[in-house]
Amino acid sequence: MWGAHSAGFAIVTILVLIGVPDSVLLMLGMVTLWALLYFFVTKKPYWQYVIFLSMTVVLVNSAGMSTVLLDGERMGFTFVGAVLTIMVAVIVDLVMYHRIGGSRDLPKPVDDEPTPF
Protein backbone atom coordinates (compact mmCIF):
# COMPACT_ATOMS: atom_id res chain seq x y z
CA MET A 1 0.00 0.00 0.00
CA TRP A 2 2.85 2.40 0.79
CA GLY A 3 4.15 1.90 -2.71
CA ALA A 4 0.79 2.82 -4.22
CA HIS A 5 0.50 6.00 -2.14
CA SER A 6 4.07 6.91 -2.97
CA ALA A 7 3.53 6.22 -6.67
CA GLY A 8 0.49 8.50 -6.77
CA PHE A 9 2.34 11.27 -4.97
CA ALA A 10 5.41 10.82 -7.19
CA ILE A 11 3.35 11.10 -10.38
CA VAL A 12 1.72 14.33 -9.19
CA THR A 13 5.08 15.75 -8.12
CA ILE A 14 6.62 14.97 -11.51
CA LEU A 15 3.68 16.63 -13.30
CA VAL A 16 4.09 19.76 -11.20
CA LEU A 17 7.87 19.89 -11.58
CA ILE A 18 7.71 19.65 -15.37
CA GLY A 19 5.41 22.68 -15.34
CA VAL A 20 1.94 21.40 -16.19
CA PRO A 21 -0.50 24.33 -15.70
CA ASP A 22 -2.91 24.21 -12.74
CA SER A 23 -5.97 24.16 -15.01
CA VAL A 24 -4.64 21.05 -16.76
CA LEU A 25 -3.87 19.44 -13.40
CA LEU A 26 -7.46 20.07 -12.28
CA MET A 27 -8.80 18.47 -15.47
CA LEU A 28 -6.39 15.58 -14.95
CA GLY A 29 -7.85 15.29 -11.45
CA MET A 30 -11.26 14.63 -13.00
CA VAL A 31 -9.73 11.92 -15.21
CA THR A 32 -8.09 10.27 -12.21
CA LEU A 33 -11.43 10.47 -10.36
CA TRP A 34 -13.07 8.46 -13.11
CA ALA A 35 -10.15 6.01 -13.09
CA LEU A 36 -10.39 5.46 -9.34
CA LEU A 37 -14.15 4.92 -9.60
CA TYR A 38 -13.55 2.37 -12.36
CA PHE A 39 -10.94 0.53 -10.29
CA PHE A 40 -13.24 0.59 -7.25
CA VAL A 41 -16.36 -0.63 -9.06
CA THR A 42 -14.57 -3.37 -10.99
CA LYS A 43 -12.96 -4.66 -7.76
CA LYS A 44 -9.38 -4.25 -8.97
CA PRO A 45 -6.58 -4.76 -6.41
CA TYR A 46 -6.55 -2.12 -3.69
CA TRP A 47 -3.06 -0.85 -4.55
CA GLN A 48 -4.18 0.04 -8.09
CA TYR A 49 -7.18 1.94 -6.73
CA VAL A 50 -4.99 3.81 -4.21
CA ILE A 51 -2.67 5.17 -6.91
CA PHE A 52 -5.58 7.02 -8.50
CA LEU A 53 -7.07 7.92 -5.12
CA SER A 54 -3.87 9.66 -4.03
CA MET A 55 -3.59 11.51 -7.31
CA THR A 56 -7.24 12.59 -7.27
CA VAL A 57 -7.12 13.94 -3.72
CA VAL A 58 -4.07 16.07 -4.47
CA LEU A 59 -5.10 17.23 -7.95
CA VAL A 60 -8.69 18.15 -7.10
CA ASN A 61 -7.85 19.87 -3.81
CA SER A 62 -4.86 21.82 -5.11
CA ALA A 63 -6.86 24.75 -6.54
CA GLY A 64 -5.60 27.98 -4.99
CA MET A 65 -2.52 26.53 -3.29
CA SER A 66 0.79 24.99 -4.15
CA THR A 67 0.29 21.49 -5.51
CA VAL A 68 3.76 20.43 -4.36
CA LEU A 69 2.98 21.68 -0.84
CA LEU A 70 -0.33 19.82 -0.75
CA ASP A 71 1.35 16.72 -2.19
CA GLY A 72 4.02 16.81 0.53
CA GLU A 73 1.47 17.41 3.28
CA ARG A 74 -0.65 14.46 2.14
CA MET A 75 2.40 12.19 2.06
CA GLY A 76 3.45 13.38 5.52
CA PHE A 77 -0.02 12.92 7.00
CA THR A 78 -0.24 9.44 5.45
CA PHE A 79 3.06 8.53 7.12
CA VAL A 80 1.97 10.00 10.49
CA GLY A 81 -1.34 8.12 10.27
CA ALA A 82 0.45 4.84 9.57
CA VAL A 83 2.85 5.36 12.50
CA LEU A 84 -0.02 6.21 14.88
CA THR A 85 -1.96 3.15 13.70
CA ILE A 86 1.03 0.90 14.39
CA MET A 87 1.49 2.46 17.85
CA VAL A 88 -2.18 1.90 18.74
CA ALA A 89 -1.99 -1.70 17.50
CA VAL A 90 1.04 -2.38 19.70
CA ILE A 91 -0.61 -0.79 22.75
CA VAL A 92 -3.82 -2.77 22.20
CA ASP A 93 -1.78 -5.94 21.81
CA LEU A 94 0.05 -5.26 25.07
CA VAL A 95 -3.10 -4.40 27.01
CA MET A 96 -5.43 -7.03 25.58
CA TYR A 97 -2.99 -9.90 25.97
CA HIS A 98 -1.63 -8.77 29.34
CA ARG A 99 1.93 -8.81 28.12
CA ILE A 100 2.80 -6.04 30.52
CA GLY A 101 3.97 -7.94 33.59
CA GLY A 102 2.06 -11.12 32.82
CA SER A 103 1.70 -13.89 30.32
CA ARG A 104 -1.10 -14.58 27.91
CA ASP A 105 -3.27 -17.57 28.77
CA LEU A 106 -3.42 -19.98 25.90
CA PRO A 107 -6.83 -21.40 25.01
CA LYS A 108 -7.66 -24.85 26.31
CA PRO A 109 -7.56 -27.68 23.76
CA VAL A 110 -10.90 -28.70 22.34
CA ASP A 111 -12.12 -32.24 23.12
CA ASP A 112 -12.59 -34.42 20.10
CA GLU A 113 -15.72 -36.00 21.56
CA PRO A 114 -18.97 -34.47 20.38
CA THR A 115 -21.28 -33.17 23.06
CA PRO A 116 -24.68 -34.92 23.30
CA PHE A 117 -27.79 -32.82 22.74
C-alpha atoms as a PDB file:
ATOM      1  CA  MET A   1       0.000   0.000   0.000  1.00  0.00           C
ATOM      2  CA  TRP A   2       2.847   2.403   0.793  1.00  0.00           C
ATOM      3  CA  GLY A   3       4.148   1.896  -2.708  1.00  0.00           C
ATOM      4  CA  ALA A   4       0.790   2.819  -4.219  1.00  0.00           C
ATOM      5  CA  HIS A   5       0.504   5.998  -2.139  1.00  0.00           C
ATOM      6  CA  SER A   6       4.071   6.914  -2.975  1.00  0.00           C
ATOM      7  CA  ALA A   7       3.532   6.218  -6.673  1.00  0.00           C
ATOM      8  CA  GLY A   8       0.491   8.498  -6.775  1.00  0.00           C
ATOM      9  CA  PHE A   9       2.336  11.273  -4.973  1.00  0.00           C
ATOM     10  CA  ALA A  10       5.409  10.824  -7.192  1.00  0.00           C
ATOM     11  CA  ILE A  11       3.346  11.095 -10.378  1.00  0.00           C
ATOM     12  CA  VAL A  12       1.722  14.330  -9.193  1.00  0.00           C
ATOM     13  CA  THR A  13       5.079  15.753  -8.116  1.00  0.00           C
ATOM     14  CA  ILE A  14       6.618  14.974 -11.507  1.00  0.00           C
ATOM     15  CA  LEU A  15       3.676  16.626 -13.304  1.00  0.00           C
ATOM     16  CA  VAL A  16       4.088  19.763 -11.198  1.00  0.00           C
ATOM     17  CA  LEU A  17       7.869  19.887 -11.577  1.00  0.00           C
ATOM     18  CA  ILE A  18       7.708  19.654 -15.371  1.00  0.00           C
ATOM     19  CA  GLY A  19       5.408  22.682 -15.343  1.00  0.00           C
ATOM     20  CA  VAL A  20       1.943  21.401 -16.192  1.00  0.00           C
ATOM     21  CA  PRO A  21      -0.503  24.328 -15.696  1.00  0.00           C
ATOM     22  CA  ASP A  22      -2.914  24.210 -12.744  1.00  0.00           C
ATOM     23  CA  SER A  23      -5.967  24.163 -15.015  1.00  0.00           C
ATOM     24  CA  VAL A  24      -4.636  21.049 -16.764  1.00  0.00           C
ATOM     25  CA  LEU A  25      -3.866  19.444 -13.397  1.00  0.00           C
ATOM     26  CA  LEU A  26      -7.458  20.073 -12.278  1.00  0.00           C
ATOM     27  CA  MET A  27      -8.796  18.475 -15.467  1.00  0.00           C
ATOM     28  CA  LEU A  28      -6.391  15.577 -14.950  1.00  0.00           C
ATOM     29  CA  GLY A  29      -7.851  15.286 -11.451  1.00  0.00           C
ATOM     30  CA  MET A  30     -11.256  14.627 -13.001  1.00  0.00           C
ATOM     31  CA  VAL A  31      -9.728  11.920 -15.213  1.00  0.00           C
ATOM     32  CA  THR A  32      -8.085  10.269 -12.206  1.00  0.00           C
ATOM     33  CA  LEU A  33     -11.427  10.466 -10.362  1.00  0.00           C
ATOM     34  CA  TRP A  34     -13.074   8.456 -13.115  1.00  0.00           C
ATOM     35  CA  ALA A  35     -10.154   6.008 -13.093  1.00  0.00           C
ATOM     36  CA  LEU A  36     -10.388   5.463  -9.339  1.00  0.00           C
ATOM     37  CA  LEU A  37     -14.149   4.916  -9.599  1.00  0.00           C
ATOM     38  CA  TYR A  38     -13.550   2.370 -12.365  1.00  0.00           C
ATOM     39  CA  PHE A  39     -10.937   0.528 -10.290  1.00  0.00           C
ATOM     40  CA  PHE A  40     -13.241   0.593  -7.247  1.00  0.00           C
ATOM     41  CA  VAL A  41     -16.360  -0.635  -9.057  1.00  0.00           C
ATOM     42  CA  THR A  42     -14.569  -3.371 -10.990  1.00  0.00           C
ATOM     43  CA  LYS A  43     -12.962  -4.663  -7.765  1.00  0.00           C
ATOM     44  CA  LYS A  44      -9.384  -4.254  -8.966  1.00  0.00           C
ATOM     45  CA  PRO A  45      -6.580  -4.757  -6.413  1.00  0.00           C
ATOM     46  CA  TYR A  46      -6.550  -2.117  -3.695  1.00  0.00           C
ATOM     47  CA  TRP A  47      -3.061  -0.852  -4.555  1.00  0.00           C
ATOM     48  CA  GLN A  48      -4.181   0.039  -8.090  1.00  0.00           C
ATOM     49  CA  TYR A  49      -7.179   1.940  -6.727  1.00  0.00           C
ATOM     50  CA  VAL A  50      -4.994   3.811  -4.208  1.00  0.00           C
ATOM     51  CA  ILE A  51      -2.670   5.171  -6.908  1.00  0.00           C
ATOM     52  CA  PHE A  52      -5.582   7.023  -8.495  1.00  0.00           C
ATOM     53  CA  LEU A  53      -7.072   7.923  -5.121  1.00  0.00           C
ATOM     54  CA  SER A  54      -3.867   9.657  -4.025  1.00  0.00           C
ATOM     55  CA  MET A  55      -3.586  11.506  -7.307  1.00  0.00           C
ATOM     56  CA  THR A  56      -7.238  12.585  -7.268  1.00  0.00           C
ATOM     57  CA  VAL A  57      -7.119  13.941  -3.723  1.00  0.00           C
ATOM     58  CA  VAL A  58      -4.074  16.071  -4.473  1.00  0.00           C
ATOM     59  CA  LEU A  59      -5.102  17.233  -7.950  1.00  0.00           C
ATOM     60  CA  VAL A  60      -8.694  18.146  -7.101  1.00  0.00           C
ATOM     61  CA  ASN A  61      -7.846  19.868  -3.811  1.00  0.00           C
ATOM     62  CA  SER A  62      -4.863  21.819  -5.105  1.00  0.00           C
ATOM     63  CA  ALA A  63      -6.859  24.751  -6.539  1.00  0.00           C
ATOM     64  CA  GLY A  64      -5.597  27.975  -4.992  1.00  0.00           C
ATOM     65  CA  MET A  65      -2.523  26.534  -3.288  1.00  0.00           C
ATOM     66  CA  SER A  66       0.788  24.992  -4.154  1.00  0.00           C
ATOM     67  CA  THR A  67       0.291  21.486  -5.514  1.00  0.00           C
ATOM     68  CA  VAL A  68       3.757  20.430  -4.357  1.00  0.00           C
ATOM     69  CA  LEU A  69       2.982  21.681  -0.841  1.00  0.00           C
ATOM     70  CA  LEU A  70      -0.328  19.818  -0.755  1.00  0.00           C
ATOM     71  CA  ASP A  71       1.346  16.722  -2.188  1.00  0.00           C
ATOM     72  CA  GLY A  72       4.019  16.809   0.529  1.00  0.00           C
ATOM     73  CA  GLU A  73       1.468  17.412   3.284  1.00  0.00           C
ATOM     74  CA  ARG A  74      -0.650  14.463   2.140  1.00  0.00           C
ATOM     75  CA  MET A  75       2.396  12.187   2.063  1.00  0.00           C
ATOM     76  CA  GLY A  76       3.452  13.377   5.518  1.00  0.00           C
ATOM     77  CA  PHE A  77      -0.018  12.918   6.999  1.00  0.00           C
ATOM     78  CA  THR A  78      -0.242   9.443   5.449  1.00  0.00           C
ATOM     79  CA  PHE A  79       3.063   8.535   7.120  1.00  0.00           C
ATOM     80  CA  VAL A  80       1.971   9.996  10.489  1.00  0.00           C
ATOM     81  CA  GLY A  81      -1.339   8.124  10.267  1.00  0.00           C
ATOM     82  CA  ALA A  82       0.449   4.844   9.572  1.00  0.00           C
ATOM     83  CA  VAL A  83       2.849   5.358  12.496  1.00  0.00           C
ATOM     84  CA  LEU A  84      -0.025   6.209  14.875  1.00  0.00           C
ATOM     85  CA  THR A  85      -1.958   3.151  13.701  1.00  0.00           C
ATOM     86  CA  ILE A  86       1.030   0.895  14.393  1.00  0.00           C
ATOM     87  CA  MET A  87       1.492   2.464  17.852  1.00  0.00           C
ATOM     88  CA  VAL A  88      -2.179   1.900  18.742  1.00  0.00           C
ATOM     89  CA  ALA A  89      -1.995  -1.697  17.496  1.00  0.00           C
ATOM     90  CA  VAL A  90       1.044  -2.381  19.699  1.00  0.00           C
ATOM     91  CA  ILE A  91      -0.613  -0.789  22.752  1.00  0.00           C
ATOM     92  CA  VAL A  92      -3.824  -2.766  22.199  1.00  0.00           C
ATOM     93  CA  ASP A  93      -1.775  -5.940  21.810  1.00  0.00           C
ATOM     94  CA  LEU A  94       0.053  -5.261  25.071  1.00  0.00           C
ATOM     95  CA  VAL A  95      -3.103  -4.399  27.010  1.00  0.00           C
ATOM     96  CA  MET A  96      -5.435  -7.032  25.577  1.00  0.00           C
ATOM     97  CA  TYR A  97      -2.995  -9.904  25.966  1.00  0.00           C
ATOM     98  CA  HIS A  98      -1.626  -8.771  29.339  1.00  0.00           C
ATOM     99  CA  ARG A  99       1.928  -8.807  28.116  1.00  0.00           C
ATOM    100  CA  ILE A 100       2.803  -6.037  30.518  1.00  0.00           C
ATOM    101  CA  GLY A 101       3.972  -7.940  33.595  1.00  0.00           C
ATOM    102  CA  GLY A 102       2.057 -11.122  32.815  1.00  0.00           C
ATOM    103  CA  SER A 103       1.696 -13.891  30.315  1.00  0.00           C
ATOM    104  CA  ARG A 104      -1.104 -14.584  27.911  1.00  0.00           C
ATOM    105  CA  ASP A 105      -3.267 -17.565  28.774  1.00  0.00           C
ATOM    106  CA  LEU A 106      -3.418 -19.981  25.900  1.00  0.00           C
ATOM    107  CA  PRO A 107      -6.825 -21.404  25.010  1.00  0.00           C
ATOM    108  CA  LYS A 108      -7.663 -24.849  26.307  1.00  0.00           C
ATOM    109  CA  PRO A 109      -7.556 -27.677  23.759  1.00  0.00           C
ATOM    110  CA  VAL A 110     -10.904 -28.697  22.343  1.00  0.00           C
ATOM    111  CA  ASP A 111     -12.120 -32.243  23.124  1.00  0.00           C
ATOM    112  CA  ASP A 112     -12.591 -34.423  20.097  1.00  0.00           C
ATOM    113  CA  GLU A 113     -15.716 -36.000  21.562  1.00  0.00           C
ATOM    114  CA  PRO A 114     -18.974 -34.473  20.381  1.00  0.00           C
ATOM    115  CA  THR A 115     -21.282 -33.166  23.064  1.00  0.00           C
ATOM    116  CA  PRO A 116     -24.684 -34.920  23.303  1.00  0.00           C
ATOM    117  CA  PHE A 117     -27.791 -32.816  22.742  1.00  0.00           C
END
